[in-house]
């Protein structure tokens, strides 16, 4: 029986996974993961480093065989039709995949050959990739000399030269400056508008807002799936307060396990504290912290972020459920 119930299958699904599992010896990297992605949907795959995102993507790409379970991509089974899967996907790994010593044009021509783009269409598709990446006039520049955002957009252009119906992007914006990240996401949505299905993994919680739906994964388990707004509306089981206090570590220690405190975590330079509304209120928090010699500034109720939801679900060890 699945640890996380599969969503109902649909003829419009571009990607399906049921009880997908991968073990490396005694270590389970992906644990009975079930989900579906509709055609033209942008699905975010969100979780910390080491959560199992890359292993899942590699299984869905037909690069690693599952230990258990099954999955299909673009209508092909990843176990028995891995080659057909690879012919129908675009893939970007989290490590930069282009050749730095080659020019923009040479990289594009090389990947057009790898993907067996018809000779009559190579020039047109290369020009589209150059335009999409914003590299007009830079066709003869060595890739090693390009800024990080341009490199990633060029890598995306190479990955779609053969016009695949499904894209897998494994942390494509890692290490890229925020403005370049936003431009990259604009390209993803342009592709989605033309029917391309995309699964994109990231550990940037803010990028989840760019997705139609997101799947939260931790320690190999899918712990929740739904749209960003649906996940935020699930609630944290209490009232969330944002607190300005110092020192943060001592404040966190003073609140953990205290009566009426459901959860507490450091968020940037502040604390996020979930309290039982029937027993604890803002004045109680202030009094408790000051009693421990902690300076308390502003304290206010706030709406949960996706990071709050993720921390809550991990802390509670909830089984995966669909809210969409």
C-alpha atoms as a PDB file:
ATOM      1  CA  UNK A   1       0.000   0.000   0.000  1.00  0.00           C
ATOM      2  CA  UNK A   2       1.281   3.462  -0.851  1.00  0.00           C
ATOM      3  CA  UNK A   3       2.580   5.687   1.920  1.00  0.00           C
ATOM      4  CA  UNK A   4       1.334   8.667  -0.039  1.00  0.00           C
ATOM      5  CA  UNK A   5      -1.900   8.166  -1.989  1.00  0.00           C
ATOM      6  CA  UNK A   6      -1.601   8.645  -5.730  1.00  0.00           C
ATOM      7  CA  UNK A   7      -3.687  11.354  -7.332  1.00  0.00           C
ATOM      8  CA  UNK A   8      -6.317  10.169  -9.816  1.00  0.00           C
ATOM      9  CA  UNK A   9      -4.773   9.419 -13.202  1.00  0.00           C
ATOM     10  CA  UNK A  10      -5.899  11.399 -16.235  1.00  0.00           C
ATOM     11  CA  UNK A  11      -5.478  11.100 -19.984  1.00  0.00           C
ATOM     12  CA  UNK A  12      -3.982  14.590 -19.834  1.00  0.00           C
ATOM     13  CA  UNK A  13      -1.136  13.506 -17.547  1.00  0.00           C
ATOM     14  CA  UNK A  14       2.342  13.954 -18.993  1.00  0.00           C
ATOM     15  CA  UNK A  15       4.095  12.426 -15.978  1.00  0.00           C
ATOM     16  CA  UNK A  16       2.816   9.843 -13.516  1.00  0.00           C
ATOM     17  CA  UNK A  17       4.557   8.085 -10.643  1.00  0.00           C
ATOM     18  CA  UNK A  18       3.169   5.410  -8.355  1.00  0.00           C
ATOM     19  CA  UNK A  19       5.057   4.162  -5.284  1.00  0.00           C
ATOM     20  CA  UNK A  20       8.327   5.191  -6.955  1.00  0.00           C
ATOM     21  CA  UNK A  21      11.210   4.014  -4.758  1.00  0.00           C
ATOM     22  CA  UNK A  22      14.986   4.042  -5.026  1.00  0.00           C
ATOM     23  CA  UNK A  23      17.352   2.336  -2.611  1.00  0.00           C
ATOM     24  CA  UNK A  24      21.129   2.425  -2.528  1.00  0.00           C
ATOM     25  CA  UNK A  25      22.011  -0.512  -0.305  1.00  0.00           C
ATOM     26  CA  UNK A  26      20.333   0.078   3.058  1.00  0.00           C
ATOM     27  CA  UNK A  27      19.683   3.757   2.265  1.00  0.00           C
ATOM     28  CA  UNK A  28      16.297   4.723   0.809  1.00  0.00           C
ATOM     29  CA  UNK A  29      16.749   7.884  -1.265  1.00  0.00           C
ATOM     30  CA  UNK A  30      13.151   8.007  -2.554  1.00  0.00           C
ATOM     31  CA  UNK A  31      10.387   6.344  -0.554  1.00  0.00           C
ATOM     32  CA  UNK A  32       7.143   5.316  -2.349  1.00  0.00           C
ATOM     33  CA  UNK A  33       6.563   8.625  -4.120  1.00  0.00           C
ATOM     34  CA  UNK A  34       3.286   9.039  -6.023  1.00  0.00           C
ATOM     35  CA  UNK A  35       2.243  12.061  -8.078  1.00  0.00           C
ATOM     36  CA  UNK A  36       1.030  13.193 -11.477  1.00  0.00           C
ATOM     37  CA  UNK A  37       1.806  16.218 -13.636  1.00  0.00           C
ATOM     38  CA  UNK A  38      -0.663  17.453 -16.249  1.00  0.00           C
ATOM     39  CA  UNK A  39       0.324  18.447 -19.760  1.00  0.00           C
ATOM     40  CA  UNK A  40       1.505  22.055 -19.848  1.00  0.00           C
ATOM     41  CA  UNK A  41       1.801  22.251 -16.065  1.00  0.00           C
ATOM     42  CA  UNK A  42       4.762  23.747 -14.204  1.00  0.00           C
ATOM     43  CA  UNK A  43       5.369  21.572 -11.143  1.00  0.00           C
ATOM     44  CA  UNK A  44       7.847  22.715  -8.527  1.00  0.00           C
ATOM     45  CA  UNK A  45       9.810  20.088  -6.643  1.00  0.00           C
ATOM     46  CA  UNK A  46      10.758  21.741  -3.362  1.00  0.00           C
ATOM     47  CA  UNK A  47      12.982  20.499  -0.574  1.00  0.00           C
ATOM     48  CA  UNK A  48      16.400  20.829   1.054  1.00  0.00           C
ATOM     49  CA  UNK A  49      19.571  19.446  -0.453  1.00  0.00           C
ATOM     50  CA  UNK A  50      19.629  15.675  -0.034  1.00  0.00           C
ATOM     51  CA  UNK A  51      15.833  15.353   0.089  1.00  0.00           C
ATOM     52  CA  UNK A  52      15.669  13.037  -2.954  1.00  0.00           C
ATOM     53  CA  UNK A  53      14.785  15.540  -5.675  1.00  0.00           C
ATOM     54  CA  UNK A  54      17.651  14.734  -8.036  1.00  0.00           C
ATOM     55  CA  UNK A  55      17.248  10.973  -7.617  1.00  0.00           C
ATOM     56  CA  UNK A  56      13.551  11.232  -8.449  1.00  0.00           C
ATOM     57  CA  UNK A  57      14.256  13.288 -11.559  1.00  0.00           C
ATOM     58  CA  UNK A  58      16.926  10.856 -12.708  1.00  0.00           C
ATOM     59  CA  UNK A  59      14.443   7.983 -12.390  1.00  0.00           C
ATOM     60  CA  UNK A  60      11.802   9.913 -14.335  1.00  0.00           C
ATOM     61  CA  UNK A  61      14.380  10.651 -17.041  1.00  0.00           C
ATOM     62  CA  UNK A  62      15.137   6.949 -17.459  1.00  0.00           C
ATOM     63  CA  UNK A  63      18.717   7.453 -16.212  1.00  0.00           C
ATOM     64  CA  UNK A  64      18.341   5.401 -13.016  1.00  0.00           C
ATOM     65  CA  UNK A  65      16.147   2.317 -12.640  1.00  0.00           C
ATOM     66  CA  UNK A  66      13.609   2.384  -9.790  1.00  0.00           C
ATOM     67  CA  UNK A  67      13.989  -0.194  -7.024  1.00  0.00           C
ATOM     68  CA  UNK A  68      10.195  -0.423  -6.775  1.00  0.00           C
ATOM     69  CA  UNK A  69       7.114   1.239  -8.195  1.00  0.00           C
ATOM     70  CA  UNK A  70       6.459   2.526 -11.677  1.00  0.00           C
ATOM     71  CA  UNK A  71       6.347   5.775 -13.614  1.00  0.00           C
ATOM     72  CA  UNK A  72       5.530   6.973 -17.103  1.00  0.00           C
ATOM     73  CA  UNK A  73       6.712  10.086 -18.944  1.00  0.00           C
ATOM     74  CA  UNK A  74       5.169  11.316 -22.210  1.00  0.00           C
ATOM     75  CA  UNK A  75       3.312   7.996 -22.372  1.00  0.00           C
ATOM     76  CA  UNK A  76       6.399   5.779 -22.001  1.00  0.00           C
ATOM     77  CA  UNK A  77       7.303   3.559 -19.055  1.00  0.00           C
ATOM     78  CA  UNK A  78      10.564   4.640 -17.390  1.00  0.00           C
ATOM     79  CA  UNK A  79      11.480   1.040 -16.577  1.00  0.00           C
ATOM     80  CA  UNK A  80      10.826  -0.794 -19.834  1.00  0.00           C
ATOM     81  CA  UNK A  81      10.987   2.113 -22.320  1.00  0.00           C
ATOM     82  CA  UNK A  82      13.811   4.241 -20.913  1.00  0.00           C
ATOM     83  CA  UNK A  83      15.241   5.056 -24.344  1.00  0.00           C
ATOM     84  CA  UNK A  84      11.874   6.325 -25.615  1.00  0.00           C
ATOM     85  CA  UNK A  85      11.546   8.414 -22.465  1.00  0.00           C
ATOM     86  CA  UNK A  86      14.941  10.028 -23.076  1.00  0.00           C
ATOM     87  CA  UNK A  87      13.975  10.820 -26.682  1.00  0.00           C
ATOM     88  CA  UNK A  88      10.921  12.750 -25.496  1.00  0.00           C
ATOM     89  CA  UNK A  89      12.344  14.876 -22.701  1.00  0.00           C
ATOM     90  CA  UNK A  90      14.629  17.827 -22.192  1.00  0.00           C
ATOM     91  CA  UNK A  91      16.932  17.658 -19.180  1.00  0.00           C
ATOM     92  CA  UNK A  92      19.091  20.193 -17.365  1.00  0.00           C
ATOM     93  CA  UNK A  93      21.213  18.967 -14.474  1.00  0.00           C
ATOM     94  CA  UNK A  94      22.077  21.090 -11.449  1.00  0.00           C
ATOM     95  CA  UNK A  95      25.667  21.246 -12.710  1.00  0.00           C
ATOM     96  CA  UNK A  96      26.291  23.390 -15.770  1.00  0.00           C
ATOM     97  CA  UNK A  97      26.136  21.020 -18.750  1.00  0.00           C
ATOM     98  CA  UNK A  98      27.557  23.007 -21.676  1.00  0.00           C
ATOM     99  CA  UNK A  99      31.104  23.101 -23.032  1.00  0.00           C
ATOM    100  CA  UNK A 100      32.942  26.216 -21.916  1.00  0.00           C
ATOM    101  CA  UNK A 101      35.650  25.995 -24.581  1.00  0.00           C
ATOM    102  CA  UNK A 102      33.067  25.984 -27.380  1.00  0.00           C
ATOM    103  CA  UNK A 103      31.181  29.013 -28.630  1.00  0.00           C
ATOM    104  CA  UNK A 104      27.449  29.552 -28.250  1.00  0.00           C
ATOM    105  CA  UNK A 105      26.921  28.470 -31.858  1.00  0.00           C
ATOM    106  CA  UNK A 106      29.149  25.385 -31.500  1.00  0.00           C
ATOM    107  CA  UNK A 107      27.311  24.222 -28.380  1.00  0.00           C
ATOM    108  CA  UNK A 108      23.954  24.577 -30.087  1.00  0.00           C
ATOM    109  CA  UNK A 109      25.131  22.722 -33.188  1.00  0.00           C
ATOM    110  CA  UNK A 110      26.585  19.932 -31.040  1.00  0.00           C
ATOM    111  CA  UNK A 111      23.341  19.411 -29.113  1.00  0.00           C
ATOM    112  CA  UNK A 112      21.285  19.598 -32.300  1.00  0.00           C
ATOM    113  CA  UNK A 113      23.337  16.633 -33.515  1.00  0.00           C
ATOM    114  CA  UNK A 114      22.952  14.754 -30.235  1.00  0.00           C
ATOM    115  CA  UNK A 115      19.180  15.217 -30.394  1.00  0.00           C
ATOM    116  CA  UNK A 116      19.047  14.306 -34.089  1.00  0.00           C
ATOM    117  CA  UNK A 117      17.347  17.515 -35.145  1.00  0.00           C
ATOM    118  CA  UNK A 118      16.573  17.272 -38.883  1.00  0.00           C
ATOM    119  CA  UNK A 119      19.256  19.059 -40.910  1.00  0.00           C
ATOM    120  CA  UNK A 120      16.682  21.254 -42.606  1.00  0.00           C
ATOM    121  CA  UNK A 121      15.512  22.577 -39.215  1.00  0.00           C
ATOM    122  CA  UNK A 122      18.821  23.057 -37.391  1.00  0.00           C
ATOM    123  CA  UNK A 123      19.421  26.686 -38.387  1.00  0.00           C
ATOM    124  CA  UNK A 124      15.929  27.805 -37.416  1.00  0.00           C
ATOM    125  CA  UNK A 125      15.979  26.059 -34.068  1.00  0.00           C
ATOM    126  CA  UNK A 126      19.434  27.380 -33.255  1.00  0.00           C
ATOM    127  CA  UNK A 127      18.267  30.917 -34.012  1.00  0.00           C
ATOM    128  CA  UNK A 128      15.245  30.428 -31.757  1.00  0.00           C
ATOM    129  CA  UNK A 129      17.499  29.245 -28.908  1.00  0.00           C
ATOM    130  CA  UNK A 130      19.834  32.240 -29.351  1.00  0.00           C
ATOM    131  CA  UNK A 131      16.903  34.637 -29.325  1.00  0.00           C
ATOM    132  CA  UNK A 132      15.290  32.968 -26.316  1.00  0.00           C
ATOM    133  CA  UNK A 133      18.550  33.204 -24.361  1.00  0.00           C
ATOM    134  CA  UNK A 134      19.011  36.860 -25.315  1.00  0.00           C
ATOM    135  CA  UNK A 135      22.359  36.098 -26.933  1.00  0.00           C
ATOM    136  CA  UNK A 136      21.933  37.821 -30.288  1.00  0.00           C
ATOM    137  CA  UNK A 137      25.352  39.081 -31.356  1.00  0.00           C
ATOM    138  CA  UNK A 138      27.093  36.668 -28.947  1.00  0.00           C
ATOM    139  CA  UNK A 139      26.922  33.563 -31.129  1.00  0.00           C
ATOM    140  CA  UNK A 140      30.716  33.383 -31.483  1.00  0.00           C
ATOM    141  CA  UNK A 141      31.469  34.060 -27.807  1.00  0.00           C
ATOM    142  CA  UNK A 142      33.019  31.224 -25.811  1.00  0.00           C
ATOM    143  CA  UNK A 143      30.478  29.942 -23.305  1.00  0.00           C
ATOM    144  CA  UNK A 144      33.022  30.155 -20.461  1.00  0.00           C
ATOM    145  CA  UNK A 145      32.981  33.954 -20.813  1.00  0.00           C
ATOM    146  CA  UNK A 146      29.201  34.316 -20.370  1.00  0.00           C
ATOM    147  CA  UNK A 147      27.491  35.427 -17.157  1.00  0.00           C
ATOM    148  CA  UNK A 148      25.691  32.740 -15.146  1.00  0.00           C
ATOM    149  CA  UNK A 149      22.176  33.759 -16.160  1.00  0.00           C
ATOM    150  CA  UNK A 150      23.044  33.690 -19.864  1.00  0.00           C
ATOM    151  CA  UNK A 151      24.670  30.272 -19.478  1.00  0.00           C
ATOM    152  CA  UNK A 152      21.541  28.834 -17.895  1.00  0.00           C
ATOM    153  CA  UNK A 153      19.249  30.287 -20.558  1.00  0.00           C
ATOM    154  CA  UNK A 154      21.534  28.869 -23.237  1.00  0.00           C
ATOM    155  CA  UNK A 155      21.484  25.474 -21.497  1.00  0.00           C
ATOM    156  CA  UNK A 156      17.690  25.594 -21.550  1.00  0.00           C
ATOM    157  CA  UNK A 157      17.790  26.464 -25.261  1.00  0.00           C
ATOM    158  CA  UNK A 158      19.999  23.433 -25.914  1.00  0.00           C
ATOM    159  CA  UNK A 159      17.660  21.197 -23.892  1.00  0.00           C
ATOM    160  CA  UNK A 160      14.643  22.076 -26.051  1.00  0.00           C
ATOM    161  CA  UNK A 161      16.252  22.007 -29.512  1.00  0.00           C
ATOM    162  CA  UNK A 162      14.403  18.765 -30.285  1.00  0.00           C
ATOM    163  CA  UNK A 163      11.096  20.248 -29.029  1.00  0.00           C
ATOM    164  CA  UNK A 164      10.438  17.758 -26.216  1.00  0.00           C
ATOM    165  CA  UNK A 165       6.961  17.674 -24.656  1.00  0.00           C
ATOM    166  CA  UNK A 166       8.407  17.277 -21.126  1.00  0.00           C
ATOM    167  CA  UNK A 167      11.225  19.178 -19.386  1.00  0.00           C
ATOM    168  CA  UNK A 168      13.111  18.161 -16.241  1.00  0.00           C
ATOM    169  CA  UNK A 169      15.128  20.972 -14.692  1.00  0.00           C
ATOM    170  CA  UNK A 170      17.240  19.987 -11.685  1.00  0.00           C
ATOM    171  CA  UNK A 171      17.976  23.128  -9.643  1.00  0.00           C
ATOM    172  CA  UNK A 172      18.611  25.153 -12.810  1.00  0.00           C
ATOM    173  CA  UNK A 173      18.895  28.502 -10.996  1.00  0.00           C
ATOM    174  CA  UNK A 174      21.244  27.429  -8.208  1.00  0.00           C
ATOM    175  CA  UNK A 175      23.918  30.089  -7.765  1.00  0.00           C
ATOM    176  CA  UNK A 176      22.282  32.481 -10.255  1.00  0.00           C
ATOM    177  CA  UNK A 177      21.513  36.066  -9.198  1.00  0.00           C
ATOM    178  CA  UNK A 178      17.829  36.869  -8.400  1.00  0.00           C
ATOM    179  CA  UNK A 179      17.135  38.959 -11.516  1.00  0.00           C
ATOM    180  CA  UNK A 180      18.522  36.230 -13.785  1.00  0.00           C
ATOM    181  CA  UNK A 181      16.421  33.689 -11.905  1.00  0.00           C
ATOM    182  CA  UNK A 182      13.241  35.682 -12.625  1.00  0.00           C
ATOM    183  CA  UNK A 183      14.100  35.903 -16.316  1.00  0.00           C
ATOM    184  CA  UNK A 184      14.711  32.158 -16.428  1.00  0.00           C
ATOM    185  CA  UNK A 185      11.258  31.535 -14.956  1.00  0.00           C
ATOM    186  CA  UNK A 186       9.730  33.763 -17.619  1.00  0.00           C
ATOM    187  CA  UNK A 187      11.180  31.380 -20.217  1.00  0.00           C
ATOM    188  CA  UNK A 188       9.686  28.377 -18.397  1.00  0.00           C
ATOM    189  CA  UNK A 189       6.228  29.954 -18.450  1.00  0.00           C
ATOM    190  CA  UNK A 190       6.560  30.802 -22.130  1.00  0.00           C
ATOM    191  CA  UNK A 191       7.249  27.121 -22.816  1.00  0.00           C
ATOM    192  CA  UNK A 192       4.321  26.045 -20.610  1.00  0.00           C
ATOM    193  CA  UNK A 193       2.023  28.347 -22.580  1.00  0.00           C
ATOM    194  CA  UNK A 194       2.985  26.282 -25.634  1.00  0.00           C
ATOM    195  CA  UNK A 195       2.104  22.997 -23.915  1.00  0.00           C
ATOM    196  CA  UNK A 196       5.489  21.945 -22.526  1.00  0.00           C
ATOM    197  CA  UNK A 197       5.248  20.159 -19.184  1.00  0.00           C
ATOM    198  CA  UNK A 198       7.964  21.083 -16.688  1.00  0.00           C
ATOM    199  CA  UNK A 199       9.160  19.576 -13.414  1.00  0.00           C
ATOM    200  CA  UNK A 200      11.665  21.940 -11.848  1.00  0.00           C
ATOM    201  CA  UNK A 201      13.439  21.235  -8.580  1.00  0.00           C
ATOM    202  CA  UNK A 202      14.728  23.976  -6.326  1.00  0.00           C
ATOM    203  CA  UNK A 203      15.637  24.666  -2.729  1.00  0.00           C
ATOM    204  CA  UNK A 204      14.569  28.321  -3.124  1.00  0.00           C
ATOM    205  CA  UNK A 205      11.167  28.577  -1.448  1.00  0.00           C
ATOM    206  CA  UNK A 206      10.399  31.878  -3.195  1.00  0.00           C
ATOM    207  CA  UNK A 207      10.546  30.114  -6.570  1.00  0.00           C
ATOM    208  CA  UNK A 208       7.591  27.953  -5.557  1.00  0.00           C
ATOM    209  CA  UNK A 209       5.356  30.955  -6.209  1.00  0.00           C
ATOM    210  CA  UNK A 210       6.164  30.675  -9.927  1.00  0.00           C
ATOM    211  CA  UNK A 211       4.714  27.137 -10.154  1.00  0.00           C
ATOM    212  CA  UNK A 212       1.176  25.960 -10.874  1.00  0.00           C
ATOM    213  CA  UNK A 213       1.598  23.355  -8.153  1.00  0.00           C
ATOM    214  CA  UNK A 214       4.411  22.311  -5.863  1.00  0.00           C
ATOM    215  CA  UNK A 215       5.456  19.010  -4.344  1.00  0.00           C
ATOM    216  CA  UNK A 216       7.226  19.222  -0.983  1.00  0.00           C
ATOM    217  CA  UNK A 217       9.760  16.459  -0.364  1.00  0.00           C
ATOM    218  CA  UNK A 218      11.829  15.667   2.708  1.00  0.00           C
ATOM    219  CA  UNK A 219      14.111  12.688   3.393  1.00  0.00           C
ATOM    220  CA  UNK A 220      12.807  10.868   0.339  1.00  0.00           C
ATOM    221  CA  UNK A 221       9.125  11.256   1.196  1.00  0.00           C
ATOM    222  CA  UNK A 222       6.590  13.428  -0.589  1.00  0.00           C
ATOM    223  CA  UNK A 223       4.916  15.238   2.312  1.00  0.00           C
ATOM    224  CA  UNK A 224       2.437  17.512   0.498  1.00  0.00           C
ATOM    225  CA  UNK A 225       1.340  18.536  -2.970  1.00  0.00           C
ATOM    226  CA  UNK A 226      -0.882  21.378  -4.149  1.00  0.00           C
ATOM    227  CA  UNK A 227      -0.879  24.939  -5.423  1.00  0.00           C
ATOM    228  CA  UNK A 228       1.055  27.515  -3.361  1.00  0.00           C
ATOM    229  CA  UNK A 229      -2.173  29.123  -2.140  1.00  0.00           C
ATOM    230  CA  UNK A 230      -3.714  25.763  -1.230  1.00  0.00           C
ATOM    231  CA  UNK A 231      -0.706  24.775   0.827  1.00  0.00           C
ATOM    232  CA  UNK A 232      -0.640  28.082   2.692  1.00  0.00           C
ATOM    233  CA  UNK A 233      -4.349  27.736   3.493  1.00  0.00           C
ATOM    234  CA  UNK A 234      -3.829  24.398   5.202  1.00  0.00           C
ATOM    235  CA  UNK A 235      -2.988  26.260   8.378  1.00  0.00           C
ATOM    236  CA  UNK A 236      -0.412  25.495  11.024  1.00  0.00           C
ATOM    237  CA  UNK A 237      -2.759  24.404  13.797  1.00  0.00           C
ATOM    238  CA  UNK A 238      -2.516  27.727  15.619  1.00  0.00           C
ATOM    239  CA  UNK A 239      -1.778  31.442  15.302  1.00  0.00           C
ATOM    240  CA  UNK A 240       1.542  32.426  13.719  1.00  0.00           C
ATOM    241  CA  UNK A 241       3.469  35.334  15.261  1.00  0.00           C
ATOM    242  CA  UNK A 242       6.534  37.046  13.867  1.00  0.00           C
ATOM    243  CA  UNK A 243       8.834  38.287  16.632  1.00  0.00           C
ATOM    244  CA  UNK A 244      11.802  40.637  16.730  1.00  0.00           C
ATOM    245  CA  UNK A 245      14.031  39.574  19.621  1.00  0.00           C
ATOM    246  CA  UNK A 246      17.666  39.118  20.564  1.00  0.00           C
ATOM    247  CA  UNK A 247      19.552  36.883  20.896  1.00  0.00           C
ATOM    248  CA  UNK A 248      17.586  34.597  18.577  1.00  0.00           C
ATOM    249  CA  UNK A 249      19.160  31.317  19.697  1.00  0.00           C
ATOM    250  CA  UNK A 250      18.372  31.935  23.355  1.00  0.00           C
ATOM    251  CA  UNK A 251      14.834  33.029  22.463  1.00  0.00           C
ATOM    252  CA  UNK A 252      14.248  29.856  20.468  1.00  0.00           C
ATOM    253  CA  UNK A 253      15.499  27.737  23.361  1.00  0.00           C
ATOM    254  CA  UNK A 254      13.265  29.588  25.832  1.00  0.00           C
ATOM    255  CA  UNK A 255      10.139  28.950  23.755  1.00  0.00           C
ATOM    256  CA  UNK A 256      10.661  25.334  22.704  1.00  0.00           C
ATOM    257  CA  UNK A 257       8.451  23.040  24.731  1.00  0.00           C
ATOM    258  CA  UNK A 258       6.797  25.874  26.646  1.00  0.00           C
ATOM    259  CA  UNK A 259       3.048  25.560  27.353  1.00  0.00           C
ATOM    260  CA  UNK A 260       0.947  26.838  24.473  1.00  0.00           C
ATOM    261  CA  UNK A 261       3.884  26.937  22.032  1.00  0.00           C
ATOM    262  CA  UNK A 262       3.174  24.584  19.145  1.00  0.00           C
ATOM    263  CA  UNK A 263       6.250  25.399  17.038  1.00  0.00           C
ATOM    264  CA  UNK A 264       9.085  27.916  16.924  1.00  0.00           C
ATOM    265  CA  UNK A 265      11.748  28.466  14.275  1.00  0.00           C
ATOM    266  CA  UNK A 266      14.253  31.112  13.197  1.00  0.00           C
ATOM    267  CA  UNK A 267      13.352  32.917   9.953  1.00  0.00           C
ATOM    268  CA  UNK A 268      16.110  35.296   8.912  1.00  0.00           C
ATOM    269  CA  UNK A 269      16.615  37.782  11.722  1.00  0.00           C
ATOM    270  CA  UNK A 270      13.292  36.987  13.438  1.00  0.00           C
ATOM    271  CA  UNK A 271      11.358  34.177  15.077  1.00  0.00           C
ATOM    272  CA  UNK A 272       8.200  32.583  13.739  1.00  0.00           C
ATOM    273  CA  UNK A 273       6.177  31.130  16.606  1.00  0.00           C
ATOM    274  CA  UNK A 274       2.959  29.112  16.299  1.00  0.00           C
ATOM    275  CA  UNK A 275       0.854  29.283  19.454  1.00  0.00           C
ATOM    276  CA  UNK A 276      -2.314  27.632  20.700  1.00  0.00           C
ATOM    277  CA  UNK A 277      -4.835  30.508  20.512  1.00  0.00           C
ATOM    278  CA  UNK A 278      -6.757  29.095  23.461  1.00  0.00           C
ATOM    279  CA  UNK A 279      -3.836  29.295  25.879  1.00  0.00           C
ATOM    280  CA  UNK A 280      -1.212  31.727  24.586  1.00  0.00           C
ATOM    281  CA  UNK A 281      -1.204  35.254  23.179  1.00  0.00           C
ATOM    282  CA  UNK A 282       1.359  37.893  22.224  1.00  0.00           C
ATOM    283  CA  UNK A 283       1.736  39.356  25.760  1.00  0.00           C
ATOM    284  CA  UNK A 284       2.500  35.880  27.110  1.00  0.00           C
ATOM    285  CA  UNK A 285       5.331  35.464  24.590  1.00  0.00           C
ATOM    286  CA  UNK A 286       6.813  38.831  25.500  1.00  0.00           C
ATOM    287  CA  UNK A 287       6.646  38.091  29.227  1.00  0.00           C
ATOM    288  CA  UNK A 288       8.244  34.659  28.848  1.00  0.00           C
ATOM    289  CA  UNK A 289      11.161  35.944  26.789  1.00  0.00           C
ATOM    290  CA  UNK A 290      11.844  38.939  28.998  1.00  0.00           C
ATOM    291  CA  UNK A 291      11.879  36.613  32.000  1.00  0.00           C
ATOM    292  CA  UNK A 292      14.830  34.871  30.311  1.00  0.00           C
ATOM    293  CA  UNK A 293      16.686  38.147  29.815  1.00  0.00           C
ATOM    294  CA  UNK A 294      15.833  38.386  26.103  1.00  0.00           C
ATOM    295  CA  UNK A 295      15.197  41.758  24.467  1.00  0.00           C
ATOM    296  CA  UNK A 296      11.827  41.790  22.680  1.00  0.00           C
ATOM    297  CA  UNK A 297      10.884  44.243  19.925  1.00  0.00           C
ATOM    298  CA  UNK A 298       7.869  44.131  17.651  1.00  0.00           C
ATOM    299  CA  UNK A 299       5.574  41.115  17.756  1.00  0.00           C
ATOM    300  CA  UNK A 300       2.711  40.690  15.317  1.00  0.00           C
ATOM    301  CA  UNK A 301       0.453  37.974  13.875  1.00  0.00           C
ATOM    302  CA  UNK A 302       1.369  37.101  10.295  1.00  0.00           C
ATOM    303  CA  UNK A 303       0.237  34.836   7.478  1.00  0.00           C
ATOM    304  CA  UNK A 304       2.259  31.643   6.957  1.00  0.00           C
ATOM    305  CA  UNK A 305       4.760  31.444   4.126  1.00  0.00           C
ATOM    306  CA  UNK A 306       5.450  28.266   2.182  1.00  0.00           C
ATOM    307  CA  UNK A 307       8.578  27.879   4.268  1.00  0.00           C
ATOM    308  CA  UNK A 308       6.418  27.980   7.419  1.00  0.00           C
ATOM    309  CA  UNK A 309       4.198  25.276   5.927  1.00  0.00           C
ATOM    310  CA  UNK A 310       7.211  23.140   4.992  1.00  0.00           C
ATOM    311  CA  UNK A 311       8.728  23.422   8.472  1.00  0.00           C
ATOM    312  CA  UNK A 312       5.350  22.574  10.004  1.00  0.00           C
ATOM    313  CA  UNK A 313       4.824  19.485   7.856  1.00  0.00           C
ATOM    314  CA  UNK A 314       8.339  18.194   8.438  1.00  0.00           C
ATOM    315  CA  UNK A 315       8.051  18.773  12.183  1.00  0.00           C
ATOM    316  CA  UNK A 316       4.748  16.934  12.355  1.00  0.00           C
ATOM    317  CA  UNK A 317       5.918  14.097  10.116  1.00  0.00           C
ATOM    318  CA  UNK A 318       2.688  14.197   8.143  1.00  0.00           C
ATOM    319  CA  UNK A 319       2.050  11.649   5.418  1.00  0.00           C
ATOM    320  CA  UNK A 320       1.747  12.965   1.894  1.00  0.00           C
ATOM    321  CA  UNK A 321      -1.672  14.217   0.959  1.00  0.00           C
ATOM    322  CA  UNK A 322      -3.054  16.056  -2.035  1.00  0.00           C
ATOM    323  CA  UNK A 323      -4.839  19.337  -1.562  1.00  0.00           C
ATOM    324  CA  UNK A 324      -5.321  20.003  -5.281  1.00  0.00           C
END
